[in-house]
N, C-alpha and C. Protein backbone atom coordinates (compact mmCIF):
# COMPACT_ATOMS: atom_id res chain seq x y z
N MET A 1 100.89 -11.59 -69.01
CA MET A 1 101.86 -10.58 -68.59
C MET A 1 102.13 -10.65 -67.10
N THR A 2 101.62 -11.66 -66.43
CA THR A 2 101.78 -11.77 -64.99
C THR A 2 103.25 -11.65 -64.59
N GLY A 3 103.54 -10.69 -63.74
CA GLY A 3 104.89 -10.52 -63.22
C GLY A 3 105.89 -9.87 -64.17
N ALA A 4 105.43 -9.41 -65.33
CA ALA A 4 106.36 -8.87 -66.33
C ALA A 4 107.08 -7.62 -65.83
N SER A 5 106.37 -6.73 -65.15
CA SER A 5 107.01 -5.48 -64.70
C SER A 5 108.17 -5.76 -63.77
N SER A 6 107.95 -6.60 -62.76
CA SER A 6 109.03 -6.88 -61.81
C SER A 6 110.17 -7.64 -62.50
N PHE A 7 109.85 -8.52 -63.43
CA PHE A 7 110.89 -9.24 -64.15
C PHE A 7 111.74 -8.27 -64.98
N ILE A 8 111.09 -7.32 -65.65
CA ILE A 8 111.82 -6.35 -66.47
C ILE A 8 112.76 -5.53 -65.60
N ARG A 9 112.30 -5.15 -64.41
CA ARG A 9 113.17 -4.42 -63.49
C ARG A 9 114.39 -5.25 -63.11
N GLN A 10 114.18 -6.55 -62.88
CA GLN A 10 115.29 -7.44 -62.53
C GLN A 10 116.33 -7.52 -63.65
N GLN A 11 115.91 -7.26 -64.88
CA GLN A 11 116.84 -7.28 -66.02
C GLN A 11 117.57 -5.96 -66.16
N GLY A 12 117.30 -5.03 -65.24
CA GLY A 12 117.98 -3.74 -65.26
C GLY A 12 117.33 -2.71 -66.17
N CYS A 13 116.08 -2.94 -66.53
CA CYS A 13 115.37 -2.02 -67.43
C CYS A 13 114.18 -1.40 -66.71
N ASP A 14 113.72 -0.28 -67.23
CA ASP A 14 112.54 0.40 -66.73
C ASP A 14 111.33 -0.15 -67.48
N PRO A 15 110.39 -0.80 -66.79
CA PRO A 15 109.24 -1.39 -67.48
C PRO A 15 108.41 -0.39 -68.28
N ASP A 16 108.28 0.84 -67.77
CA ASP A 16 107.50 1.85 -68.49
C ASP A 16 108.18 2.25 -69.79
N VAL A 17 109.49 2.40 -69.75
CA VAL A 17 110.24 2.77 -70.96
C VAL A 17 110.14 1.66 -72.00
N ILE A 18 110.34 0.42 -71.55
CA ILE A 18 110.25 -0.74 -72.45
C ILE A 18 108.85 -0.80 -73.06
N ALA A 19 107.83 -0.70 -72.23
CA ALA A 19 106.45 -0.81 -72.70
C ALA A 19 106.12 0.29 -73.71
N ARG A 20 106.48 1.53 -73.38
CA ARG A 20 106.20 2.64 -74.29
C ARG A 20 106.90 2.46 -75.63
N SER A 21 108.10 1.88 -75.60
CA SER A 21 108.86 1.72 -76.85
C SER A 21 108.19 0.73 -77.80
N VAL A 22 107.30 -0.12 -77.28
CA VAL A 22 106.55 -1.04 -78.14
C VAL A 22 105.06 -0.72 -78.15
N GLY A 23 104.69 0.45 -77.61
CA GLY A 23 103.30 0.89 -77.67
C GLY A 23 102.38 0.28 -76.64
N LEU A 24 102.93 -0.10 -75.48
CA LEU A 24 102.12 -0.74 -74.42
C LEU A 24 102.19 0.05 -73.13
N GLN A 25 101.26 -0.27 -72.25
CA GLN A 25 101.32 0.19 -70.86
C GLN A 25 101.22 -1.07 -70.02
N ILE A 26 102.18 -1.28 -69.12
CA ILE A 26 102.12 -2.48 -68.27
C ILE A 26 102.28 -2.08 -66.82
N ALA A 27 101.71 -2.88 -65.97
CA ALA A 27 101.85 -2.74 -64.52
C ALA A 27 101.42 -4.05 -63.90
N ASP A 28 102.04 -4.40 -62.77
CA ASP A 28 101.71 -5.66 -62.12
C ASP A 28 100.27 -5.69 -61.60
N ASP A 29 99.65 -4.51 -61.41
CA ASP A 29 98.30 -4.49 -60.86
C ASP A 29 97.20 -4.39 -61.92
N LEU A 30 97.54 -4.52 -63.22
CA LEU A 30 96.50 -4.53 -64.25
C LEU A 30 95.68 -5.80 -64.12
N PRO A 31 94.39 -5.75 -64.47
CA PRO A 31 93.57 -6.96 -64.40
C PRO A 31 94.15 -8.06 -65.31
N PRO A 32 94.22 -9.29 -64.82
CA PRO A 32 94.82 -10.37 -65.61
C PRO A 32 93.97 -10.81 -66.79
N THR A 33 92.74 -10.28 -66.90
CA THR A 33 91.86 -10.67 -68.00
C THR A 33 91.95 -9.74 -69.20
N LEU A 34 92.78 -8.69 -69.12
CA LEU A 34 92.93 -7.80 -70.26
C LEU A 34 93.56 -8.55 -71.43
N ALA A 35 93.06 -8.28 -72.63
CA ALA A 35 93.63 -8.89 -73.83
C ALA A 35 94.87 -8.12 -74.26
N LEU A 36 95.81 -8.83 -74.83
CA LEU A 36 97.05 -8.25 -75.31
C LEU A 36 97.36 -8.87 -76.66
N ARG A 37 97.70 -8.05 -77.63
CA ARG A 37 98.06 -8.59 -78.95
C ARG A 37 99.36 -9.38 -78.84
N LEU A 38 99.37 -10.54 -79.48
CA LEU A 38 100.55 -11.41 -79.43
C LEU A 38 101.79 -10.69 -79.98
N GLU A 39 101.62 -9.91 -81.02
CA GLU A 39 102.75 -9.18 -81.59
C GLU A 39 103.36 -8.23 -80.55
N ASP A 40 102.50 -7.56 -79.77
CA ASP A 40 103.01 -6.65 -78.74
C ASP A 40 103.75 -7.41 -77.65
N TYR A 41 103.21 -8.57 -77.26
CA TYR A 41 103.84 -9.40 -76.25
C TYR A 41 105.24 -9.83 -76.71
N CYS A 42 105.33 -10.31 -77.95
CA CYS A 42 106.62 -10.73 -78.50
C CYS A 42 107.59 -9.56 -78.56
N ASN A 43 107.11 -8.42 -79.05
CA ASN A 43 107.97 -7.24 -79.17
C ASN A 43 108.48 -6.77 -77.81
N LEU A 44 107.64 -6.89 -76.79
CA LEU A 44 108.04 -6.48 -75.44
C LEU A 44 109.29 -7.23 -75.00
N PHE A 45 109.29 -8.55 -75.13
CA PHE A 45 110.43 -9.34 -74.66
C PHE A 45 111.64 -9.21 -75.58
N GLU A 46 111.41 -8.99 -76.85
CA GLU A 46 112.53 -8.71 -77.76
C GLU A 46 113.19 -7.38 -77.38
N GLU A 47 112.37 -6.41 -76.99
CA GLU A 47 112.91 -5.11 -76.59
C GLU A 47 113.66 -5.19 -75.26
N VAL A 48 113.16 -5.99 -74.33
CA VAL A 48 113.89 -6.18 -73.07
C VAL A 48 115.27 -6.78 -73.37
N ALA A 49 115.31 -7.78 -74.23
CA ALA A 49 116.59 -8.39 -74.59
C ALA A 49 117.52 -7.36 -75.23
N ARG A 50 116.98 -6.54 -76.12
CA ARG A 50 117.80 -5.55 -76.81
C ARG A 50 118.32 -4.49 -75.85
N GLN A 51 117.42 -3.92 -75.04
CA GLN A 51 117.84 -2.83 -74.15
C GLN A 51 118.73 -3.31 -73.01
N SER A 52 118.51 -4.53 -72.53
CA SER A 52 119.32 -5.03 -71.42
C SER A 52 120.63 -5.65 -71.91
N GLY A 53 120.67 -6.04 -73.20
CA GLY A 53 121.84 -6.75 -73.72
C GLY A 53 121.87 -8.20 -73.25
N ARG A 54 120.77 -8.64 -72.65
CA ARG A 54 120.68 -10.03 -72.15
C ARG A 54 119.76 -10.81 -73.09
N TYR A 55 120.37 -11.61 -73.93
CA TYR A 55 119.59 -12.36 -74.91
C TYR A 55 119.11 -13.69 -74.36
N ASP A 56 119.25 -13.88 -73.04
CA ASP A 56 118.65 -15.02 -72.36
C ASP A 56 117.36 -14.59 -71.65
N THR A 57 116.81 -13.43 -72.01
CA THR A 57 115.61 -12.89 -71.36
C THR A 57 114.45 -13.87 -71.42
N GLY A 58 114.16 -14.40 -72.60
CA GLY A 58 113.07 -15.36 -72.73
C GLY A 58 113.31 -16.61 -71.91
N LEU A 59 114.54 -17.11 -71.93
CA LEU A 59 114.88 -18.28 -71.12
C LEU A 59 114.62 -18.01 -69.64
N ALA A 60 115.10 -16.86 -69.16
CA ALA A 60 114.97 -16.53 -67.74
C ALA A 60 113.51 -16.34 -67.34
N TYR A 61 112.74 -15.64 -68.15
CA TYR A 61 111.33 -15.42 -67.82
C TYR A 61 110.56 -16.75 -67.82
N GLY A 62 110.83 -17.59 -68.80
CA GLY A 62 110.15 -18.88 -68.89
C GLY A 62 110.45 -19.81 -67.73
N GLN A 63 111.70 -19.78 -67.23
CA GLN A 63 112.07 -20.66 -66.13
C GLN A 63 111.34 -20.32 -64.84
N GLN A 64 111.04 -19.05 -64.64
CA GLN A 64 110.38 -18.66 -63.39
C GLN A 64 108.86 -18.59 -63.53
N PHE A 65 108.34 -18.73 -64.76
CA PHE A 65 106.91 -18.58 -65.01
C PHE A 65 106.19 -19.91 -64.72
N GLN A 66 105.38 -19.91 -63.70
CA GLN A 66 104.71 -21.13 -63.25
C GLN A 66 103.36 -21.33 -63.95
N PRO A 67 102.90 -22.58 -64.05
CA PRO A 67 101.65 -22.86 -64.77
C PRO A 67 100.44 -22.09 -64.26
N ASP A 68 100.36 -21.83 -62.96
CA ASP A 68 99.20 -21.10 -62.46
C ASP A 68 99.20 -19.64 -62.90
N GLN A 69 100.32 -19.15 -63.42
CA GLN A 69 100.37 -17.79 -63.94
C GLN A 69 99.78 -17.70 -65.35
N LEU A 70 99.47 -18.85 -65.95
CA LEU A 70 98.86 -18.88 -67.28
C LEU A 70 97.35 -18.66 -67.23
N GLY A 71 96.81 -18.39 -66.06
CA GLY A 71 95.36 -18.17 -65.97
C GLY A 71 94.59 -19.46 -66.15
N LEU A 72 93.46 -19.38 -66.82
CA LEU A 72 92.57 -20.52 -66.96
C LEU A 72 93.27 -21.73 -67.57
N ILE A 73 94.05 -21.52 -68.63
CA ILE A 73 94.71 -22.65 -69.28
C ILE A 73 95.70 -23.34 -68.33
N GLY A 74 96.35 -22.55 -67.49
CA GLY A 74 97.25 -23.13 -66.50
C GLY A 74 96.51 -23.93 -65.45
N TYR A 75 95.37 -23.42 -65.00
CA TYR A 75 94.59 -24.15 -64.01
C TYR A 75 94.00 -25.43 -64.59
N ILE A 76 93.63 -25.40 -65.86
CA ILE A 76 93.14 -26.63 -66.50
C ILE A 76 94.26 -27.67 -66.51
N ALA A 77 95.47 -27.25 -66.86
CA ALA A 77 96.60 -28.19 -66.86
C ALA A 77 96.85 -28.73 -65.45
N LEU A 78 96.85 -27.85 -64.46
CA LEU A 78 97.17 -28.26 -63.09
C LEU A 78 96.10 -29.13 -62.46
N THR A 79 94.86 -29.01 -62.90
CA THR A 79 93.78 -29.82 -62.33
C THR A 79 93.45 -31.04 -63.18
N SER A 80 94.25 -31.29 -64.21
CA SER A 80 94.08 -32.51 -65.01
C SER A 80 94.44 -33.71 -64.14
N ALA A 81 93.90 -34.86 -64.49
CA ALA A 81 94.13 -36.05 -63.67
C ALA A 81 95.60 -36.45 -63.64
N THR A 82 96.25 -36.47 -64.80
CA THR A 82 97.65 -36.91 -64.89
C THR A 82 98.44 -35.90 -65.72
N LEU A 83 99.75 -36.07 -65.71
CA LEU A 83 100.61 -35.23 -66.53
C LEU A 83 100.25 -35.40 -68.01
N GLY A 84 100.00 -36.62 -68.43
CA GLY A 84 99.61 -36.86 -69.82
C GLY A 84 98.34 -36.12 -70.19
N ASP A 85 97.36 -36.14 -69.30
CA ASP A 85 96.12 -35.39 -69.55
C ASP A 85 96.38 -33.89 -69.59
N ALA A 86 97.26 -33.42 -68.72
CA ALA A 86 97.60 -31.99 -68.69
C ALA A 86 98.21 -31.57 -70.02
N LEU A 87 99.08 -32.40 -70.59
CA LEU A 87 99.73 -32.06 -71.86
C LEU A 87 98.72 -32.07 -73.01
N ILE A 88 97.81 -33.03 -72.99
CA ILE A 88 96.75 -33.06 -74.01
C ILE A 88 95.91 -31.80 -73.92
N ASN A 89 95.51 -31.43 -72.70
CA ASN A 89 94.71 -30.22 -72.51
C ASN A 89 95.47 -28.97 -72.92
N LEU A 90 96.73 -28.90 -72.54
CA LEU A 90 97.55 -27.75 -72.88
C LEU A 90 97.66 -27.60 -74.40
N ALA A 91 97.96 -28.70 -75.08
CA ALA A 91 98.11 -28.66 -76.54
C ALA A 91 96.80 -28.28 -77.23
N GLU A 92 95.70 -28.85 -76.77
CA GLU A 92 94.42 -28.59 -77.43
C GLU A 92 93.86 -27.21 -77.12
N LEU A 93 94.10 -26.72 -75.91
CA LEU A 93 93.44 -25.49 -75.48
C LEU A 93 94.31 -24.24 -75.55
N PHE A 94 95.60 -24.39 -75.73
CA PHE A 94 96.49 -23.22 -75.73
C PHE A 94 96.09 -22.16 -76.76
N PRO A 95 95.63 -22.54 -77.96
CA PRO A 95 95.22 -21.51 -78.92
C PRO A 95 94.04 -20.64 -78.44
N TYR A 96 93.27 -21.12 -77.46
CA TYR A 96 92.21 -20.28 -76.89
C TYR A 96 92.81 -19.23 -75.95
N HIS A 97 93.94 -19.57 -75.37
CA HIS A 97 94.66 -18.65 -74.49
C HIS A 97 95.43 -17.61 -75.30
N GLN A 98 95.98 -18.05 -76.41
CA GLN A 98 96.84 -17.19 -77.23
C GLN A 98 96.51 -17.41 -78.69
N ARG A 99 95.96 -16.40 -79.32
CA ARG A 99 95.58 -16.50 -80.74
C ARG A 99 96.81 -16.58 -81.63
N ALA A 100 96.57 -16.96 -82.89
CA ALA A 100 97.63 -17.04 -83.91
C ALA A 100 98.74 -17.99 -83.48
N THR A 101 98.34 -19.05 -82.78
CA THR A 101 99.30 -20.02 -82.25
C THR A 101 98.83 -21.44 -82.56
N GLN A 102 99.77 -22.29 -82.86
CA GLN A 102 99.48 -23.71 -83.06
C GLN A 102 100.28 -24.51 -82.04
N THR A 103 99.61 -25.36 -81.30
CA THR A 103 100.29 -26.30 -80.40
C THR A 103 99.80 -27.70 -80.73
N ARG A 104 100.73 -28.64 -80.70
CA ARG A 104 100.37 -30.03 -81.01
C ARG A 104 101.17 -30.97 -80.12
N LEU A 105 100.54 -32.05 -79.73
CA LEU A 105 101.22 -33.14 -79.05
C LEU A 105 101.41 -34.23 -80.09
N VAL A 106 102.66 -34.56 -80.41
CA VAL A 106 102.98 -35.47 -81.50
C VAL A 106 103.66 -36.71 -80.96
N ARG A 107 103.14 -37.89 -81.32
CA ARG A 107 103.75 -39.17 -80.96
C ARG A 107 104.91 -39.43 -81.89
N MET A 108 106.07 -39.81 -81.33
CA MET A 108 107.24 -40.18 -82.11
C MET A 108 107.62 -41.62 -81.75
N ALA A 109 108.55 -42.18 -82.47
CA ALA A 109 108.94 -43.58 -82.23
C ALA A 109 109.47 -43.77 -80.81
N ASP A 110 110.19 -42.79 -80.28
CA ASP A 110 110.82 -42.95 -78.97
C ASP A 110 110.24 -42.00 -77.92
N GLY A 111 109.02 -41.54 -78.11
CA GLY A 111 108.39 -40.66 -77.13
C GLY A 111 107.42 -39.70 -77.78
N PHE A 112 107.43 -38.47 -77.28
CA PHE A 112 106.51 -37.44 -77.76
C PHE A 112 107.26 -36.13 -77.94
N ARG A 113 106.59 -35.21 -78.59
CA ARG A 113 107.03 -33.82 -78.57
C ARG A 113 105.79 -32.94 -78.48
N ILE A 114 105.92 -31.85 -77.74
CA ILE A 114 104.87 -30.85 -77.72
C ILE A 114 105.42 -29.66 -78.50
N GLU A 115 104.72 -29.33 -79.58
CA GLU A 115 105.16 -28.30 -80.51
C GLU A 115 104.45 -26.99 -80.22
N TYR A 116 105.12 -25.91 -80.55
CA TYR A 116 104.58 -24.56 -80.39
C TYR A 116 105.03 -23.73 -81.58
N ARG A 117 104.09 -23.05 -82.18
CA ARG A 117 104.43 -22.21 -83.32
C ARG A 117 103.47 -21.04 -83.40
N ILE A 118 104.02 -19.85 -83.62
CA ILE A 118 103.20 -18.68 -83.92
C ILE A 118 102.91 -18.73 -85.41
N THR A 119 101.63 -18.66 -85.76
CA THR A 119 101.23 -18.81 -87.15
C THR A 119 101.06 -17.48 -87.89
N ASP A 120 101.11 -16.38 -87.19
CA ASP A 120 100.95 -15.07 -87.82
C ASP A 120 102.26 -14.70 -88.51
N PRO A 121 102.28 -14.64 -89.86
CA PRO A 121 103.53 -14.35 -90.57
C PRO A 121 104.04 -12.92 -90.34
N LEU A 122 103.20 -12.04 -89.82
CA LEU A 122 103.63 -10.67 -89.56
C LEU A 122 104.44 -10.54 -88.27
N ILE A 123 104.41 -11.58 -87.43
CA ILE A 123 105.19 -11.56 -86.19
C ILE A 123 106.53 -12.23 -86.47
N SER A 124 107.50 -11.41 -86.79
CA SER A 124 108.81 -11.95 -87.16
C SER A 124 109.77 -12.00 -85.98
N ARG A 125 109.57 -11.14 -84.98
CA ARG A 125 110.44 -11.11 -83.80
C ARG A 125 109.79 -11.99 -82.74
N ARG A 126 110.21 -13.24 -82.66
CA ARG A 126 109.51 -14.19 -81.79
C ARG A 126 110.43 -15.14 -81.04
N ALA A 127 111.72 -14.97 -81.12
CA ALA A 127 112.66 -15.90 -80.49
C ALA A 127 112.51 -15.90 -78.96
N GLN A 128 112.44 -14.71 -78.34
CA GLN A 128 112.31 -14.65 -76.88
C GLN A 128 111.02 -15.33 -76.44
N ASP A 129 109.94 -15.11 -77.19
CA ASP A 129 108.65 -15.74 -76.87
C ASP A 129 108.75 -17.27 -76.94
N ALA A 130 109.39 -17.78 -77.96
CA ALA A 130 109.54 -19.24 -78.10
C ALA A 130 110.31 -19.82 -76.92
N GLU A 131 111.38 -19.14 -76.52
CA GLU A 131 112.20 -19.65 -75.42
C GLU A 131 111.46 -19.57 -74.09
N LEU A 132 110.72 -18.50 -73.88
CA LEU A 132 109.97 -18.42 -72.61
C LEU A 132 108.83 -19.43 -72.60
N THR A 133 108.21 -19.70 -73.74
CA THR A 133 107.12 -20.68 -73.80
C THR A 133 107.63 -22.09 -73.51
N MET A 134 108.79 -22.44 -74.03
CA MET A 134 109.35 -23.76 -73.73
C MET A 134 109.65 -23.89 -72.24
N GLY A 135 110.11 -22.81 -71.63
CA GLY A 135 110.32 -22.82 -70.18
C GLY A 135 109.03 -23.02 -69.41
N MET A 136 107.97 -22.33 -69.85
CA MET A 136 106.66 -22.49 -69.21
C MET A 136 106.17 -23.94 -69.34
N PHE A 137 106.33 -24.50 -70.55
CA PHE A 137 105.90 -25.89 -70.75
C PHE A 137 106.70 -26.83 -69.85
N CYS A 138 108.01 -26.59 -69.72
CA CYS A 138 108.83 -27.42 -68.83
C CYS A 138 108.29 -27.38 -67.40
N ASN A 139 107.81 -26.22 -66.98
CA ASN A 139 107.32 -26.10 -65.61
C ASN A 139 106.04 -26.88 -65.36
N VAL A 140 105.28 -27.19 -66.40
CA VAL A 140 104.13 -28.10 -66.23
C VAL A 140 104.66 -29.49 -65.88
N PHE A 141 105.66 -29.95 -66.61
CA PHE A 141 106.29 -31.24 -66.30
C PHE A 141 106.86 -31.24 -64.88
N ARG A 142 107.57 -30.17 -64.55
CA ARG A 142 108.25 -30.11 -63.25
C ARG A 142 107.26 -30.06 -62.10
N ARG A 143 106.08 -29.54 -62.33
CA ARG A 143 105.07 -29.53 -61.27
C ARG A 143 104.68 -30.95 -60.90
N ALA A 144 104.63 -31.84 -61.89
CA ALA A 144 104.26 -33.23 -61.63
C ALA A 144 105.46 -34.10 -61.29
N LEU A 145 106.60 -33.89 -61.95
CA LEU A 145 107.73 -34.81 -61.85
C LEU A 145 108.90 -34.30 -61.02
N GLY A 146 108.81 -33.07 -60.54
CA GLY A 146 109.87 -32.51 -59.71
C GLY A 146 110.77 -31.56 -60.47
N LYS A 147 111.48 -30.72 -59.72
CA LYS A 147 112.29 -29.66 -60.30
C LYS A 147 113.46 -30.17 -61.13
N SER A 148 113.86 -31.41 -60.91
CA SER A 148 115.01 -31.92 -61.65
C SER A 148 114.63 -32.50 -63.02
N TRP A 149 113.33 -32.53 -63.34
CA TRP A 149 112.93 -33.06 -64.65
C TRP A 149 113.53 -32.22 -65.77
N HIS A 150 113.90 -32.88 -66.85
CA HIS A 150 114.38 -32.17 -68.03
C HIS A 150 113.92 -32.92 -69.28
N PRO A 151 113.72 -32.20 -70.37
CA PRO A 151 113.32 -32.85 -71.62
C PRO A 151 114.46 -33.66 -72.20
N ASP A 152 114.15 -34.50 -73.18
CA ASP A 152 115.20 -35.24 -73.88
C ASP A 152 115.95 -34.32 -74.84
N ALA A 153 115.24 -33.35 -75.42
CA ALA A 153 115.83 -32.38 -76.33
C ALA A 153 114.86 -31.21 -76.49
N VAL A 154 115.38 -30.11 -76.98
CA VAL A 154 114.57 -28.92 -77.26
C VAL A 154 114.91 -28.45 -78.67
N TRP A 155 113.87 -28.14 -79.44
CA TRP A 155 114.05 -27.60 -80.79
C TRP A 155 113.54 -26.16 -80.82
N PHE A 156 114.23 -25.33 -81.58
CA PHE A 156 113.77 -23.97 -81.83
C PHE A 156 113.80 -23.68 -83.33
N GLU A 157 112.83 -22.93 -83.79
CA GLU A 157 112.80 -22.50 -85.19
C GLU A 157 113.89 -21.46 -85.47
N HIS A 158 114.20 -20.65 -84.48
CA HIS A 158 115.11 -19.52 -84.67
C HIS A 158 116.58 -19.93 -84.48
N THR A 159 117.46 -18.96 -84.72
CA THR A 159 118.88 -19.19 -84.49
C THR A 159 119.20 -19.00 -83.00
N CYS A 160 120.36 -19.45 -82.60
CA CYS A 160 120.79 -19.35 -81.21
C CYS A 160 120.84 -17.88 -80.78
N GLN A 161 120.21 -17.57 -79.64
CA GLN A 161 120.13 -16.20 -79.14
C GLN A 161 121.09 -15.92 -77.99
N SER A 162 121.57 -16.95 -77.33
CA SER A 162 122.34 -16.78 -76.11
C SER A 162 123.54 -17.71 -76.12
N THR A 163 124.01 -18.09 -74.94
CA THR A 163 125.17 -18.98 -74.85
C THR A 163 124.73 -20.41 -74.58
N ALA A 164 125.62 -21.35 -74.87
CA ALA A 164 125.34 -22.76 -74.59
C ALA A 164 125.08 -22.97 -73.11
N ALA A 165 125.79 -22.23 -72.26
CA ALA A 165 125.60 -22.36 -70.81
C ALA A 165 124.20 -21.92 -70.39
N ASP A 166 123.67 -20.87 -71.02
CA ASP A 166 122.31 -20.42 -70.69
C ASP A 166 121.28 -21.48 -71.03
N TYR A 167 121.42 -22.09 -72.20
CA TYR A 167 120.48 -23.14 -72.61
C TYR A 167 120.62 -24.38 -71.73
N ALA A 168 121.86 -24.73 -71.39
CA ALA A 168 122.08 -25.89 -70.52
C ALA A 168 121.45 -25.67 -69.16
N ALA A 169 121.60 -24.45 -68.61
CA ALA A 169 121.01 -24.14 -67.31
C ALA A 169 119.49 -24.18 -67.36
N ALA A 170 118.92 -23.75 -68.46
CA ALA A 170 117.46 -23.71 -68.58
C ALA A 170 116.85 -25.08 -68.80
N PHE A 171 117.48 -25.90 -69.64
CA PHE A 171 116.82 -27.14 -70.06
C PHE A 171 117.56 -28.41 -69.66
N ASP A 172 118.85 -28.37 -69.38
CA ASP A 172 119.64 -29.56 -69.08
C ASP A 172 119.38 -30.64 -70.12
N ALA A 173 119.39 -30.23 -71.40
CA ALA A 173 119.10 -31.13 -72.51
C ALA A 173 119.75 -30.56 -73.77
N PRO A 174 119.97 -31.40 -74.77
CA PRO A 174 120.49 -30.88 -76.04
C PRO A 174 119.48 -29.90 -76.65
N VAL A 175 119.97 -28.79 -77.17
CA VAL A 175 119.12 -27.77 -77.78
C VAL A 175 119.56 -27.60 -79.24
N PHE A 176 118.59 -27.65 -80.15
CA PHE A 176 118.86 -27.56 -81.58
C PHE A 176 118.12 -26.37 -82.16
N PHE A 177 118.75 -25.68 -83.10
CA PHE A 177 118.19 -24.46 -83.67
C PHE A 177 117.89 -24.64 -85.16
N GLN A 178 117.10 -23.71 -85.67
CA GLN A 178 116.69 -23.69 -87.08
C GLN A 178 116.00 -24.99 -87.48
N ARG A 179 115.13 -25.46 -86.59
CA ARG A 179 114.29 -26.62 -86.86
C ARG A 179 112.97 -26.15 -87.47
N GLY A 180 112.19 -27.08 -87.96
CA GLY A 180 110.91 -26.74 -88.58
C GLY A 180 109.85 -26.27 -87.61
N THR A 181 110.07 -26.52 -86.33
CA THR A 181 109.13 -26.10 -85.30
C THR A 181 109.88 -25.92 -83.99
N THR A 182 109.22 -25.29 -83.04
CA THR A 182 109.75 -25.20 -81.68
C THR A 182 109.07 -26.31 -80.90
N ALA A 183 109.83 -27.08 -80.12
CA ALA A 183 109.23 -28.23 -79.44
C ALA A 183 110.08 -28.70 -78.28
N LEU A 184 109.40 -29.32 -77.30
CA LEU A 184 110.06 -30.10 -76.26
C LEU A 184 109.89 -31.56 -76.64
N LEU A 185 110.97 -32.34 -76.61
CA LEU A 185 110.92 -33.77 -76.87
C LEU A 185 111.10 -34.49 -75.54
N PHE A 186 110.27 -35.51 -75.31
CA PHE A 186 110.30 -36.19 -74.02
C PHE A 186 109.81 -37.63 -74.17
N SER A 187 110.19 -38.47 -73.21
CA SER A 187 109.75 -39.87 -73.22
C SER A 187 108.37 -39.96 -72.59
N ASP A 188 107.77 -41.14 -72.67
CA ASP A 188 106.45 -41.32 -72.06
C ASP A 188 106.54 -41.70 -70.58
N VAL A 189 107.74 -41.74 -70.02
CA VAL A 189 107.90 -42.06 -68.60
C VAL A 189 107.32 -40.94 -67.76
N GLY A 190 106.42 -41.29 -66.85
CA GLY A 190 105.84 -40.32 -65.94
C GLY A 190 104.56 -39.67 -66.41
N LEU A 191 104.10 -40.00 -67.59
CA LEU A 191 102.89 -39.35 -68.09
C LEU A 191 101.65 -39.75 -67.30
N ASP A 192 101.74 -40.87 -66.56
CA ASP A 192 100.61 -41.31 -65.75
C ASP A 192 100.67 -40.78 -64.31
N VAL A 193 101.68 -39.95 -64.02
CA VAL A 193 101.81 -39.37 -62.67
C VAL A 193 100.70 -38.34 -62.47
N PRO A 194 100.03 -38.36 -61.31
CA PRO A 194 98.98 -37.36 -61.06
C PRO A 194 99.55 -35.95 -61.02
N MET A 195 98.77 -35.01 -61.48
CA MET A 195 99.17 -33.60 -61.37
C MET A 195 99.01 -33.17 -59.93
């Protein structure tokens, strides 16, 4: 939840009103080690999108969310020897950071994809979470390869939530919806670059 209150204010919403509407209390000064139910986290960002009328909320939050804001899992990625090692660590360890989640690094004929999926069938409102997570994953790449890095393609399980311009600004890559998983697709170029 790092920075969520200030981000919600930037979207033109009152963080306390949003939080109460989904049964939460949030503040930027809460200890970062507090546990939060994944369903509540997803509902929070879905509610921000609904109340603000900005369905690019997940995209915007993910683009500004840096790997060191992920706590221990972010620091493990950032202190990995190479970008490739960081992605392996991120995929293997992310479920320890966030329960009811599956992440996988999958080899394809023309590169790789890092997949992300919420496995809890009771969490149905998850589009904003998926979009912000793909943004966070992109920022791991950008930390090693520079701000201009972009994936080869992005897949989402959900339907399109925003405009083509919003997705282009966030990913600078083709974005596909209603896929079997949410994933970033990328080549193996740069995986040996030090973090």
